[in-house]
Amino acid sequence: MYQFSYAEIMEDGVANAKDRERQALDRSIELLGVARDEGTYTRTTVEALFYTRRVWIRFVEDLRQPDNELAGELRADLISIAIWILKECEKIRKRESNNFQGIIDVTTIIRDGLK
């Protein structure tokens, strides 16, 4: 019987967490793309904004935890990005903007950095 080392188990846990984060960001990008392509404020827009807000709020909650192992400066940068995305979502919700592509681009960069 093969015994897993603690390091291997932790590595798998981190890899699984990153994979889940990538999947959540992929879904956000997909929903925002559909909303952008529809061109009008629809139920799809509401769903895309709601989902995207939930993802980024959850990321901020995780980044604020004292046991988060990311470097402090990186955590602060990611929180700043999250705040920008949340503000852009709010502008779209209020119909003051249609900057779906900006949110998609930034989210894509963050997703691609999860390796």
PDB file of N, CA and C in Angstrom:
ATOM      1  N   MET A   1       0.840  -1.186   0.000  1.00  0.00           N
ATOM      2  CA  MET A   1       0.000   0.000   0.000  1.00  0.00           C
ATOM      3  C   MET A   1       0.879   1.241   0.000  1.00  0.00           C
ATOM      4  N   TYR A   2       0.553   2.201  -0.834  1.00  0.00           N
ATOM      5  CA  TYR A   2       1.332   3.421  -0.970  1.00  0.00           C
ATOM      6  C   TYR A   2       0.919   4.417   0.114  1.00  0.00           C
ATOM      7  N   GLN A   3       1.866   4.981   0.782  1.00  0.00           N
ATOM      8  CA  GLN A   3       1.603   5.990   1.807  1.00  0.00           C
ATOM      9  C   GLN A   3       1.879   7.371   1.219  1.00  0.00           C
ATOM     10  N   PHE A   4       0.902   8.233   1.282  1.00  0.00           N
ATOM     11  CA  PHE A   4       1.084   9.598   0.813  1.00  0.00           C
ATOM     12  C   PHE A   4       1.765  10.413   1.896  1.00  0.00           C
ATOM     13  N   SER A   5       2.723  11.203   1.487  1.00  0.00           N
ATOM     14  CA  SER A   5       3.356  12.097   2.452  1.00  0.00           C
ATOM     15  C   SER A   5       2.455  13.305   2.674  1.00  0.00           C
ATOM     16  N   TYR A   6       2.648  13.966   3.781  1.00  0.00           N
ATOM     17  CA  TYR A   6       1.883  15.168   4.082  1.00  0.00           C
ATOM     18  C   TYR A   6       2.070  16.207   2.980  1.00  0.00           C
ATOM     19  N   ALA A   7       3.296  16.361   2.503  1.00  0.00           N
ATOM     20  CA  ALA A   7       3.592  17.331   1.447  1.00  0.00           C
ATOM     21  C   ALA A   7       2.812  17.012   0.174  1.00  0.00           C
ATOM     22  N   GLU A   8       2.700  15.724  -0.163  1.00  0.00           N
ATOM     23  CA  GLU A   8       1.953  15.334  -1.366  1.00  0.00           C
ATOM     24  C   GLU A   8       0.469  15.644  -1.201  1.00  0.00           C
ATOM     25  N   ILE A   9      -0.056  15.372  -0.022  1.00  0.00           N
ATOM     26  CA  ILE A   9      -1.465  15.650   0.241  1.00  0.00           C
ATOM     27  C   ILE A   9      -1.725  17.152   0.168  1.00  0.00           C
ATOM     28  N   MET A  10      -0.845  17.937   0.764  1.00  0.00           N
ATOM     29  CA  MET A  10      -1.000  19.389   0.725  1.00  0.00           C
ATOM     30  C   MET A  10      -0.880  19.904  -0.700  1.00  0.00           C
ATOM     31  N   GLU A  11       0.041  19.357  -1.473  1.00  0.00           N
ATOM     32  CA  GLU A  11       0.213  19.757  -2.866  1.00  0.00           C
ATOM     33  C   GLU A  11      -1.069  19.485  -3.644  1.00  0.00           C
ATOM     34  N   ASP A  12      -1.660  18.305  -3.427  1.00  0.00           N
ATOM     35  CA  ASP A  12      -2.917  17.970  -4.089  1.00  0.00           C
ATOM     36  C   ASP A  12      -4.025  18.934  -3.673  1.00  0.00           C
ATOM     37  N   GLY A  13      -4.055  19.292  -2.387  1.00  0.00           N
ATOM     38  CA  GLY A  13      -5.071  20.221  -1.900  1.00  0.00           C
ATOM     39  C   GLY A  13      -4.951  21.580  -2.561  1.00  0.00           C
ATOM     40  N   VAL A  14      -3.743  22.065  -2.695  1.00  0.00           N
ATOM     41  CA  VAL A  14      -3.511  23.359  -3.340  1.00  0.00           C
ATOM     42  C   VAL A  14      -3.863  23.268  -4.824  1.00  0.00           C
ATOM     43  N   ALA A  15      -3.455  22.180  -5.468  1.00  0.00           N
ATOM     44  CA  ALA A  15      -3.756  21.996  -6.887  1.00  0.00           C
ATOM     45  C   ALA A  15      -5.263  21.944  -7.118  1.00  0.00           C
ATOM     46  N   ASN A  16      -5.978  21.237  -6.243  1.00  0.00           N
ATOM     47  CA  ASN A  16      -7.437  21.165  -6.372  1.00  0.00           C
ATOM     48  C   ASN A  16      -8.080  22.523  -6.152  1.00  0.00           C
ATOM     49  N   ALA A  17      -7.590  23.266  -5.177  1.00  0.00           N
ATOM     50  CA  ALA A  17      -8.128  24.599  -4.907  1.00  0.00           C
ATOM     51  C   ALA A  17      -7.901  25.518  -6.106  1.00  0.00           C
ATOM     52  N   LYS A  18      -6.712  25.485  -6.676  1.00  0.00           N
ATOM     53  CA  LYS A  18      -6.429  26.313  -7.850  1.00  0.00           C
ATOM     54  C   LYS A  18      -7.307  25.916  -9.028  1.00  0.00           C
ATOM     55  N   ASP A  19      -7.535  24.617  -9.178  1.00  0.00           N
ATOM     56  CA  ASP A  19      -8.396  24.147 -10.256  1.00  0.00           C
ATOM     57  C   ASP A  19      -9.822  24.655 -10.068  1.00  0.00           C
ATOM     58  N   ARG A  20     -10.325  24.607  -8.842  1.00  0.00           N
ATOM     59  CA  ARG A  20     -11.669  25.130  -8.565  1.00  0.00           C
ATOM     60  C   ARG A  20     -11.733  26.632  -8.825  1.00  0.00           C
ATOM     61  N   GLU A  21     -10.679  27.354  -8.443  1.00  0.00           N
ATOM     62  CA  GLU A  21     -10.644  28.790  -8.695  1.00  0.00           C
ATOM     63  C   GLU A  21     -10.649  29.069 -10.196  1.00  0.00           C
ATOM     64  N   ARG A  22      -9.855  28.304 -10.955  1.00  0.00           N
ATOM     65  CA  ARG A  22      -9.835  28.465 -12.418  1.00  0.00           C
ATOM     66  C   ARG A  22     -11.211  28.193 -13.011  1.00  0.00           C
ATOM     67  N   GLN A  23     -11.872  27.149 -12.522  1.00  0.00           N
ATOM     68  CA  GLN A  23     -13.209  26.819 -13.022  1.00  0.00           C
ATOM     69  C   GLN A  23     -14.205  27.940 -12.728  1.00  0.00           C
ATOM     70  N   ALA A  24     -14.132  28.506 -11.536  1.00  0.00           N
ATOM     71  CA  ALA A  24     -15.035  29.608 -11.172  1.00  0.00           C
ATOM     72  C   ALA A  24     -14.783  30.817 -12.064  1.00  0.00           C
ATOM     73  N   LEU A  25     -13.520  31.122 -12.313  1.00  0.00           N
ATOM     74  CA  LEU A  25     -13.192  32.258 -13.179  1.00  0.00           C
ATOM     75  C   LEU A  25     -13.585  31.969 -14.623  1.00  0.00           C
ATOM     76  N   ASP A  26     -13.391  30.739 -15.086  1.00  0.00           N
ATOM     77  CA  ASP A  26     -13.834  30.358 -16.433  1.00  0.00           C
ATOM     78  C   ASP A  26     -15.331  30.597 -16.598  1.00  0.00           C
ATOM     79  N   ARG A  27     -16.097  30.182 -15.602  1.00  0.00           N
ATOM     80  CA  ARG A  27     -17.558  30.351 -15.665  1.00  0.00           C
ATOM     81  C   ARG A  27     -17.929  31.826 -15.678  1.00  0.00           C
ATOM     82  N   SER A  28     -17.257  32.623 -14.871  1.00  0.00           N
ATOM     83  CA  SER A  28     -17.506  34.062 -14.849  1.00  0.00           C
ATOM     84  C   SER A  28     -17.220  34.667 -16.220  1.00  0.00           C
ATOM     85  N   ILE A  29     -16.092  34.308 -16.799  1.00  0.00           N
ATOM     86  CA  ILE A  29     -15.717  34.814 -18.123  1.00  0.00           C
ATOM     87  C   ILE A  29     -16.761  34.418 -19.162  1.00  0.00           C
ATOM     88  N   GLU A  30     -17.191  33.170 -19.092  1.00  0.00           N
ATOM     89  CA  GLU A  30     -18.201  32.677 -20.036  1.00  0.00           C
ATOM     90  C   GLU A  30     -19.504  33.471 -19.916  1.00  0.00           C
ATOM     91  N   LEU A  31     -19.997  33.620 -18.692  1.00  0.00           N
ATOM     92  CA  LEU A  31     -21.249  34.349 -18.473  1.00  0.00           C
ATOM     93  C   LEU A  31     -21.144  35.805 -18.906  1.00  0.00           C
ATOM     94  N   LEU A  32     -20.033  36.445 -18.565  1.00  0.00           N
ATOM     95  CA  LEU A  32     -19.844  37.842 -18.959  1.00  0.00           C
ATOM     96  C   LEU A  32     -19.771  37.986 -20.477  1.00  0.00           C
ATOM     97  N   GLY A  33     -19.143  37.030 -21.148  1.00  0.00           N
ATOM     98  CA  GLY A  33     -19.062  37.063 -22.608  1.00  0.00           C
ATOM     99  C   GLY A  33     -20.427  36.967 -23.261  1.00  0.00           C
ATOM    100  N   VAL A  34     -21.271  36.086 -22.735  1.00  0.00           N
ATOM    101  CA  VAL A  34     -22.623  35.954 -23.275  1.00  0.00           C
ATOM    102  C   VAL A  34     -23.400  37.246 -23.043  1.00  0.00           C
ATOM    103  N   ALA A  35     -23.300  37.797 -21.846  1.00  0.00           N
ATOM    104  CA  ALA A  35     -23.998  39.055 -21.533  1.00  0.00           C
ATOM    105  C   ALA A  35     -23.507  40.189 -22.442  1.00  0.00           C
ATOM    106  N   ARG A  36     -22.198  40.265 -22.634  1.00  0.00           N
ATOM    107  CA  ARG A  36     -21.629  41.285 -23.522  1.00  0.00           C
ATOM    108  C   ARG A  36     -22.180  41.142 -24.934  1.00  0.00           C
ATOM    109  N   ASP A  37     -22.221  39.912 -25.428  1.00  0.00           N
ATOM    110  CA  ASP A  37     -22.648  39.665 -26.804  1.00  0.00           C
ATOM    111  C   ASP A  37     -24.131  39.940 -27.017  1.00  0.00           C
ATOM    112  N   GLU A  38     -24.941  39.805 -25.966  1.00  0.00           N
ATOM    113  CA  GLU A  38     -26.368  40.110 -26.106  1.00  0.00           C
ATOM    114  C   GLU A  38     -26.593  41.595 -26.329  1.00  0.00           C
ATOM    115  N   GLY A  39     -25.729  42.421 -25.778  1.00  0.00           N
ATOM    116  CA  GLY A  39     -25.771  43.855 -26.042  1.00  0.00           C
ATOM    117  C   GLY A  39     -26.828  44.651 -25.309  1.00  0.00           C
ATOM    118  N   THR A  40     -27.748  44.001 -24.648  1.00  0.00           N
ATOM    119  CA  THR A  40     -28.746  44.724 -23.860  1.00  0.00           C
ATOM    120  C   THR A  40     -28.747  44.161 -22.448  1.00  0.00           C
ATOM    121  N   TYR A  41     -29.361  44.902 -21.552  1.00  0.00           N
ATOM    122  CA  TYR A  41     -29.429  44.475 -20.154  1.00  0.00           C
ATOM    123  C   TYR A  41     -30.540  43.445 -20.026  1.00  0.00           C
ATOM    124  N   THR A  42     -30.152  42.182 -19.830  1.00  0.00           N
ATOM    125  CA  THR A  42     -31.108  41.085 -19.780  1.00  0.00           C
ATOM    126  C   THR A  42     -30.911  40.269 -18.508  1.00  0.00           C
ATOM    127  N   ARG A  43     -31.690  39.226 -18.394  1.00  0.00           N
ATOM    128  CA  ARG A  43     -31.529  38.292 -17.273  1.00  0.00           C
ATOM    129  C   ARG A  43     -30.128  37.688 -17.290  1.00  0.00           C
ATOM    130  N   THR A  44     -29.597  37.465 -18.467  1.00  0.00           N
ATOM    131  CA  THR A  44     -28.237  36.944 -18.604  1.00  0.00           C
ATOM    132  C   THR A  44     -27.237  37.902 -17.973  1.00  0.00           C
ATOM    133  N   THR A  45     -27.437  39.181 -18.175  1.00  0.00           N
ATOM    134  CA  THR A  45     -26.558  40.194 -17.573  1.00  0.00           C
ATOM    135  C   THR A  45     -26.631  40.109 -16.052  1.00  0.00           C
ATOM    136  N   VAL A  46     -27.830  40.018 -15.528  1.00  0.00           N
ATOM    137  CA  VAL A  46     -28.022  39.924 -14.078  1.00  0.00           C
ATOM    138  C   VAL A  46     -27.315  38.692 -13.535  1.00  0.00           C
ATOM    139  N   GLU A  47     -27.491  37.552 -14.200  1.00  0.00           N
ATOM    140  CA  GLU A  47     -26.852  36.314 -13.753  1.00  0.00           C
ATOM    141  C   GLU A  47     -25.331  36.413 -13.813  1.00  0.00           C
ATOM    142  N   ALA A  48     -24.810  36.998 -14.883  1.00  0.00           N
ATOM    143  CA  ALA A  48     -23.356  37.140 -15.030  1.00  0.00           C
ATOM    144  C   ALA A  48     -22.789  38.036 -13.940  1.00  0.00           C
ATOM    145  N   LEU A  49     -23.461  39.143 -13.674  1.00  0.00           N
ATOM    146  CA  LEU A  49     -22.982  40.065 -12.643  1.00  0.00           C
ATOM    147  C   LEU A  49     -23.081  39.437 -11.257  1.00  0.00           C
ATOM    148  N   PHE A  50     -24.186  38.761 -10.983  1.00  0.00           N
ATOM    149  CA  PHE A  50     -24.371  38.124  -9.679  1.00  0.00           C
ATOM    150  C   PHE A  50     -23.288  37.069  -9.452  1.00  0.00           C
ATOM    151  N   TYR A  51     -23.060  36.228 -10.442  1.00  0.00           N
ATOM    152  CA  TYR A  51     -22.061  35.174 -10.304  1.00  0.00           C
ATOM    153  C   TYR A  51     -20.663  35.775 -10.125  1.00  0.00           C
ATOM    154  N   THR A  52     -20.334  36.753 -10.953  1.00  0.00           N
ATOM    155  CA  THR A  52     -19.013  37.378 -10.891  1.00  0.00           C
ATOM    156  C   THR A  52     -18.796  38.049  -9.541  1.00  0.00           C
ATOM    157  N   ARG A  53     -19.800  38.732  -9.039  1.00  0.00           N
ATOM    158  CA  ARG A  53     -19.689  39.363  -7.719  1.00  0.00           C
ATOM    159  C   ARG A  53     -19.460  38.323  -6.626  1.00  0.00           C
ATOM    160  N   ARG A  54     -20.202  37.226  -6.674  1.00  0.00           N
ATOM    161  CA  ARG A  54     -20.019  36.174  -5.652  1.00  0.00           C
ATOM    162  C   ARG A  54     -18.606  35.611  -5.686  1.00  0.00           C
ATOM    163  N   VAL A  55     -18.087  35.357  -6.880  1.00  0.00           N
ATOM    164  CA  VAL A  55     -16.727  34.809  -7.008  1.00  0.00           C
ATOM    165  C   VAL A  55     -15.714  35.758  -6.393  1.00  0.00           C
ATOM    166  N   TRP A  56     -15.768  37.026  -6.749  1.00  0.00           N
ATOM    167  CA  TRP A  56     -14.758  37.978  -6.283  1.00  0.00           C
ATOM    168  C   TRP A  56     -14.920  38.324  -4.812  1.00  0.00           C
ATOM    169  N   ILE A  57     -16.137  38.345  -4.326  1.00  0.00           N
ATOM    170  CA  ILE A  57     -16.340  38.557  -2.884  1.00  0.00           C
ATOM    171  C   ILE A  57     -15.739  37.393  -2.111  1.00  0.00           C
ATOM    172  N   ARG A  58     -15.936  36.193  -2.612  1.00  0.00           N
ATOM    173  CA  ARG A  58     -15.351  35.009  -1.949  1.00  0.00           C
ATOM    174  C   ARG A  58     -13.832  35.069  -1.972  1.00  0.00           C
ATOM    175  N   PHE A  59     -13.253  35.496  -3.098  1.00  0.00           N
ATOM    176  CA  PHE A  59     -11.803  35.640  -3.176  1.00  0.00           C
ATOM    177  C   PHE A  59     -11.299  36.644  -2.152  1.00  0.00           C
ATOM    178  N   VAL A  60     -11.988  37.763  -2.012  1.00  0.00           N
ATOM    179  CA  VAL A  60     -11.570  38.773  -1.034  1.00  0.00           C
ATOM    180  C   VAL A  60     -11.643  38.192   0.371  1.00  0.00           C
ATOM    181  N   GLU A  61     -12.710  37.478   0.666  1.00  0.00           N
ATOM    182  CA  GLU A  61     -12.828  36.857   1.990  1.00  0.00           C
ATOM    183  C   GLU A  61     -11.652  35.927   2.257  1.00  0.00           C
ATOM    184  N   ASP A  62     -11.286  35.144   1.261  1.00  0.00           N
ATOM    185  CA  ASP A  62     -10.159  34.218   1.416  1.00  0.00           C
ATOM    186  C   ASP A  62      -8.841  34.984   1.554  1.00  0.00           C
ATOM    187  N   LEU A  63      -8.659  36.007   0.752  1.00  0.00           N
ATOM    188  CA  LEU A  63      -7.410  36.779   0.793  1.00  0.00           C
ATOM    189  C   LEU A  63      -7.229  37.506   2.121  1.00  0.00           C
ATOM    190  N   ARG A  64      -8.308  37.841   2.799  1.00  0.00           N
ATOM    191  CA  ARG A  64      -8.236  38.557   4.073  1.00  0.00           C
ATOM    192  C   ARG A  64      -7.912  37.649   5.250  1.00  0.00           C
ATOM    193  N   GLN A  65      -7.985  36.345   5.054  1.00  0.00           N
ATOM    194  CA  GLN A  65      -7.727  35.408   6.144  1.00  0.00           C
ATOM    195  C   GLN A  65      -6.252  35.433   6.541  1.00  0.00           C
ATOM    196  N   PRO A  66      -5.966  35.475   7.834  1.00  0.00           N
ATOM    197  CA  PRO A  66      -4.574  35.521   8.288  1.00  0.00           C
ATOM    198  C   PRO A  66      -3.768  34.283   7.898  1.00  0.00           C
ATOM    199  N   ASP A  67      -4.445  33.165   7.678  1.00  0.00           N
ATOM    200  CA  ASP A  67      -3.715  31.949   7.316  1.00  0.00           C
ATOM    201  C   ASP A  67      -3.517  31.794   5.804  1.00  0.00           C
ATOM    202  N   ASN A  68      -3.938  32.806   5.024  1.00  0.00           N
ATOM    203  CA  ASN A  68      -3.691  32.768   3.585  1.00  0.00           C
ATOM    204  C   ASN A  68      -2.188  32.868   3.358  1.00  0.00           C
ATOM    205  N   GLU A  69      -1.633  31.963   2.572  1.00  0.00           N
ATOM    206  CA  GLU A  69      -0.187  31.852   2.427  1.00  0.00           C
ATOM    207  C   GLU A  69       0.410  32.726   1.322  1.00  0.00           C
ATOM    208  N   LEU A  70      -0.412  33.462   0.596  1.00  0.00           N
ATOM    209  CA  LEU A  70       0.137  34.359  -0.418  1.00  0.00           C
ATOM    210  C   LEU A  70       0.873  35.515   0.255  1.00  0.00           C
ATOM    211  N   ALA A  71       1.851  36.037  -0.435  1.00  0.00           N
ATOM    212  CA  ALA A  71       2.602  37.193   0.071  1.00  0.00           C
ATOM    213  C   ALA A  71       1.643  38.368   0.282  1.00  0.00           C
ATOM    214  N   GLY A  72       1.908  39.149   1.294  1.00  0.00           N
ATOM    215  CA  GLY A  72       1.040  40.279   1.638  1.00  0.00           C
ATOM    216  C   GLY A  72       0.812  41.244   0.503  1.00  0.00           C
ATOM    217  N   GLU A  73       1.855  41.582  -0.231  1.00  0.00           N
ATOM    218  CA  GLU A  73       1.719  42.529  -1.344  1.00  0.00           C
ATOM    219  C   GLU A  73       0.833  41.951  -2.445  1.00  0.00           C
ATOM    220  N   LEU A  74       1.008  40.671  -2.744  1.00  0.00           N
ATOM    221  CA  LEU A  74       0.178  40.029  -3.766  1.00  0.00           C
ATOM    222  C   LEU A  74      -1.279  39.994  -3.315  1.00  0.00           C
ATOM    223  N   ARG A  75      -1.500  39.679  -2.054  1.00  0.00           N
ATOM    224  CA  ARG A  75      -2.864  39.670  -1.526  1.00  0.00           C
ATOM    225  C   ARG A  75      -3.500  41.048  -1.668  1.00  0.00           C
ATOM    226  N   ALA A  76      -2.750  42.081  -1.312  1.00  0.00           N
ATOM    227  CA  ALA A  76      -3.271  43.444  -1.425  1.00  0.00           C
ATOM    228  C   ALA A  76      -3.585  43.794  -2.881  1.00  0.00           C
ATOM    229  N   ASP A  77      -2.709  43.400  -3.790  1.00  0.00           N
ATOM    230  CA  ASP A  77      -2.943  43.670  -5.221  1.00  0.00           C
ATOM    231  C   ASP A  77      -4.204  42.956  -5.711  1.00  0.00           C
ATOM    232  N   LEU A  78      -4.371  41.714  -5.313  1.00  0.00           N
ATOM    233  CA  LEU A  78      -5.553  40.957  -5.738  1.00  0.00           C
ATOM    234  C   LEU A  78      -6.834  41.541  -5.141  1.00  0.00           C
ATOM    235  N   ILE A  79      -6.762  42.001  -3.913  1.00  0.00           N
ATOM    236  CA  ILE A  79      -7.928  42.651  -3.306  1.00  0.00           C
ATOM    237  C   ILE A  79      -8.262  43.935  -4.061  1.00  0.00           C
ATOM    238  N   SER A  80      -7.255  44.691  -4.457  1.00  0.00           N
ATOM    239  CA  SER A  80      -7.490  45.909  -5.239  1.00  0.00           C
ATOM    240  C   SER A  80      -8.151  45.590  -6.574  1.00  0.00           C
ATOM    241  N   ILE A  81      -7.687  44.533  -7.207  1.00  0.00           N
ATOM    242  CA  ILE A  81      -8.292  44.110  -8.470  1.00  0.00           C
ATOM    243  C   ILE A  81      -9.746  43.706  -8.241  1.00  0.00           C
ATOM    244  N   ALA A  82      -9.978  42.958  -7.184  1.00  0.00           N
ATOM    245  CA  ALA A  82     -11.341  42.533  -6.870  1.00  0.00           C
ATOM    246  C   ALA A  82     -12.254  43.735  -6.649  1.00  0.00           C
ATOM    247  N   ILE A  83     -11.772  44.728  -5.939  1.00  0.00           N
ATOM    248  CA  ILE A  83     -12.573  45.931  -5.690  1.00  0.00           C
ATOM    249  C   ILE A  83     -12.903  46.622  -7.009  1.00  0.00           C
ATOM    250  N   TRP A  84     -11.926  46.699  -7.909  1.00  0.00           N
ATOM    251  CA  TRP A  84     -12.175  47.308  -9.217  1.00  0.00           C
ATOM    252  C   TRP A  84     -13.253  46.530  -9.967  1.00  0.00           C
ATOM    253  N   ILE A  85     -13.137  45.198  -9.977  1.00  0.00           N
ATOM    254  CA  ILE A  85     -14.119  44.369 -10.679  1.00  0.00           C
ATOM    255  C   ILE A  85     -15.506  44.554 -10.065  1.00  0.00           C
ATOM    256  N   LEU A  86     -15.589  44.571  -8.744  1.00  0.00           N
ATOM    257  CA  LEU A  86     -16.882  44.758  -8.084  1.00  0.00           C
ATOM    258  C   LEU A  86     -17.482  46.120  -8.429  1.00  0.00           C
ATOM    259  N   LYS A  87     -16.647  47.152  -8.502  1.00  0.00           N
ATOM    260  CA  LYS A  87     -17.138  48.485  -8.882  1.00  0.00           C
ATOM    261  C   LYS A  87     -17.626  48.500 -10.328  1.00  0.00           C
ATOM    262  N   GLU A  88     -16.891  47.831 -11.215  1.00  0.00           N
ATOM    263  CA  GLU A  88     -17.307  47.762 -12.621  1.00  0.00           C
ATOM    264  C   GLU A  88     -18.625  47.001 -12.752  1.00  0.00           C
ATOM    265  N   CYS A  89     -18.779  45.924 -11.989  1.00  0.00           N
ATOM    266  CA  CYS A  89     -20.048  45.187 -11.996  1.00  0.00           C
ATOM    267  C   CYS A  89     -21.193  46.088 -11.556  1.00  0.00           C
ATOM    268  N   GLU A  90     -20.937  46.873 -10.532  1.00  0.00           N
ATOM    269  CA  GLU A  90     -21.977  47.787 -10.036  1.00  0.00           C
ATOM    270  C   GLU A  90     -22.327  48.838 -11.084  1.00  0.00           C
ATOM    271  N   LYS A  91     -21.348  49.367 -11.790  1.00  0.00           N
ATOM    272  CA  LYS A  91     -21.619  50.341 -12.858  1.00  0.00           C
ATOM    273  C   LYS A  91     -22.465  49.720 -13.963  1.00  0.00           C
ATOM    274  N   ILE A  92     -22.159  48.476 -14.318  1.00  0.00           N
ATOM    275  CA  ILE A  92     -22.959  47.793 -15.341  1.00  0.00           C
ATOM    276  C   ILE A  92     -24.377  47.581 -14.820  1.00  0.00           C
ATOM    277  N   ARG A  93     -24.482  47.153 -13.568  1.00  0.00           N
ATOM    278  CA  ARG A  93     -25.807  46.933 -12.975  1.00  0.00           C
ATOM    279  C   ARG A  93     -26.650  48.195 -13.003  1.00  0.00           C
ATOM    280  N   LYS A  94     -26.010  49.331 -12.743  1.00  0.00           N
ATOM    281  CA  LYS A  94     -26.711  50.616 -12.747  1.00  0.00           C
ATOM    282  C   LYS A  94     -26.879  51.175 -14.155  1.00  0.00           C
ATOM    283  N   ARG A  95     -26.401  50.446 -15.143  1.00  0.00           N
ATOM    284  CA  ARG A  95     -26.442  50.847 -16.554  1.00  0.00           C
ATOM    285  C   ARG A  95     -25.641  52.118 -16.820  1.00  0.00           C
ATOM    286  N   GLU A  96     -24.573  52.293 -16.048  1.00  0.00           N
ATOM    287  CA  GLU A  96     -23.659  53.422 -16.239  1.00  0.00           C
ATOM    288  C   GLU A  96     -22.471  53.018 -17.102  1.00  0.00           C
ATOM    289  N   SER A  97     -22.348  51.733 -17.396  1.00  0.00           N
ATOM    290  CA  SER A  97     -21.215  51.210 -18.151  1.00  0.00           C
ATOM    291  C   SER A  97     -21.635  49.908 -18.825  1.00  0.00           C
ATOM    292  N   ASN A  98     -20.854  49.522 -19.804  1.00  0.00           N
ATOM    293  CA  ASN A  98     -21.011  48.188 -20.401  1.00  0.00           C
ATOM    294  C   ASN A  98     -19.628  47.560 -20.579  1.00  0.00           C
ATOM    295  N   ASN A  99     -18.779  47.771 -19.585  1.00  0.00           N
ATOM    296  CA  ASN A  99     -17.387  47.348 -19.646  1.00  0.00           C
ATOM    297  C   ASN A  99     -17.210  45.858 -19.331  1.00  0.00           C
ATOM    298  N   PHE A 100     -18.005  45.041 -19.976  1.00  0.00           N
ATOM    299  CA  PHE A 100     -17.851  43.596 -19.802  1.00  0.00           C
ATOM    300  C   PHE A 100     -16.453  43.155 -20.214  1.00  0.00           C
ATOM    301  N   GLN A 101     -15.971  43.698 -21.324  1.00  0.00           N
ATOM    302  CA  GLN A 101     -14.688  43.243 -21.850  1.00  0.00           C
ATOM    303  C   GLN A 101     -13.542  43.549 -20.889  1.00  0.00           C
ATOM    304  N   GLY A 102     -13.588  44.686 -20.225  1.00  0.00           N
ATOM    305  CA  GLY A 102     -12.549  45.009 -19.246  1.00  0.00           C
ATOM    306  C   GLY A 102     -12.511  43.990 -18.116  1.00  0.00           C
ATOM    307  N   ILE A 103     -13.690  43.628 -17.616  1.00  0.00           N
ATOM    308  CA  ILE A 103     -13.762  42.637 -16.545  1.00  0.00           C
ATOM    309  C   ILE A 103     -13.288  41.279 -17.065  1.00  0.00           C
ATOM    310  N   ILE A 104     -13.699  40.930 -18.263  1.00  0.00           N
ATOM    311  CA  ILE A 104     -13.281  39.660 -18.865  1.00  0.00           C
ATOM    312  C   ILE A 104     -11.764  39.616 -19.009  1.00  0.00           C
ATOM    313  N   ASP A 105     -11.178  40.698 -19.507  1.00  0.00           N
ATOM    314  CA  ASP A 105      -9.729  40.731 -19.726  1.00  0.00           C
ATOM    315  C   ASP A 105      -8.955  40.567 -18.415  1.00  0.00           C
ATOM    316  N   VAL A 106      -9.350  41.309 -17.402  1.00  0.00           N
ATOM    317  CA  VAL A 106      -8.653  41.233 -16.113  1.00  0.00           C
ATOM    318  C   VAL A 106      -8.843  39.854 -15.485  1.00  0.00           C
ATOM    319  N   THR A 107     -10.060  39.339 -15.551  1.00  0.00           N
ATOM    320  CA  THR A 107     -10.330  38.013 -14.986  1.00  0.00           C
ATOM    321  C   THR A 107      -9.530  36.941 -15.717  1.00  0.00           C
ATOM    322  N   THR A 108      -9.395  37.085 -17.025  1.00  0.00           N
ATOM    323  CA  THR A 108      -8.607  36.127 -17.813  1.00  0.00           C
ATOM    324  C   THR A 108      -7.145  36.151 -17.390  1.00  0.00           C
ATOM    325  N   ILE A 109      -6.609  37.329 -17.156  1.00  0.00           N
ATOM    326  CA  ILE A 109      -5.211  37.449 -16.706  1.00  0.00           C
ATOM    327  C   ILE A 109      -5.028  36.755 -15.354  1.00  0.00           C
ATOM    328  N   ILE A 110      -5.949  36.992 -14.441  1.00  0.00           N
ATOM    329  CA  ILE A 110      -5.876  36.371 -13.117  1.00  0.00           C
ATOM    330  C   ILE A 110      -6.000  34.850 -13.256  1.00  0.00           C
ATOM    331  N   ARG A 111      -6.974  34.404 -14.027  1.00  0.00           N
ATOM    332  CA  ARG A 111      -7.151  32.954 -14.226  1.00  0.00           C
ATOM    333  C   ARG A 111      -5.891  32.310 -14.796  1.00  0.00           C
ATOM    334  N   ASP A 112      -5.302  32.951 -15.794  1.00  0.00           N
ATOM    335  CA  ASP A 112      -4.096  32.392 -16.425  1.00  0.00           C
ATOM    336  C   ASP A 112      -2.902  32.378 -15.475  1.00  0.00           C
ATOM    337  N   GLY A 113      -2.929  33.215 -14.455  1.00  0.00           N
ATOM    338  CA  GLY A 113      -1.857  33.236 -13.462  1.00  0.00           C
ATOM    339  C   GLY A 113      -1.969  32.134 -12.420  1.00  0.00           C
ATOM    340  N   LEU A 114      -3.089  31.429 -12.400  1.00  0.00           N
ATOM    341  CA  LEU A 114      -3.299  30.344 -11.431  1.00  0.00           C
ATOM    342  C   LEU A 114      -2.687  29.051 -11.963  1.00  0.00           C
ATOM    343  N   LYS A 115      -1.394  28.955 -11.876  1.00  0.00           N
ATOM    344  CA  LYS A 115      -0.728  27.743 -12.383  1.00  0.00           C
ATOM    345  C   LYS A 115       0.059  27.084 -11.292  1.00  0.00           C
TER     346      LYS A 115
END
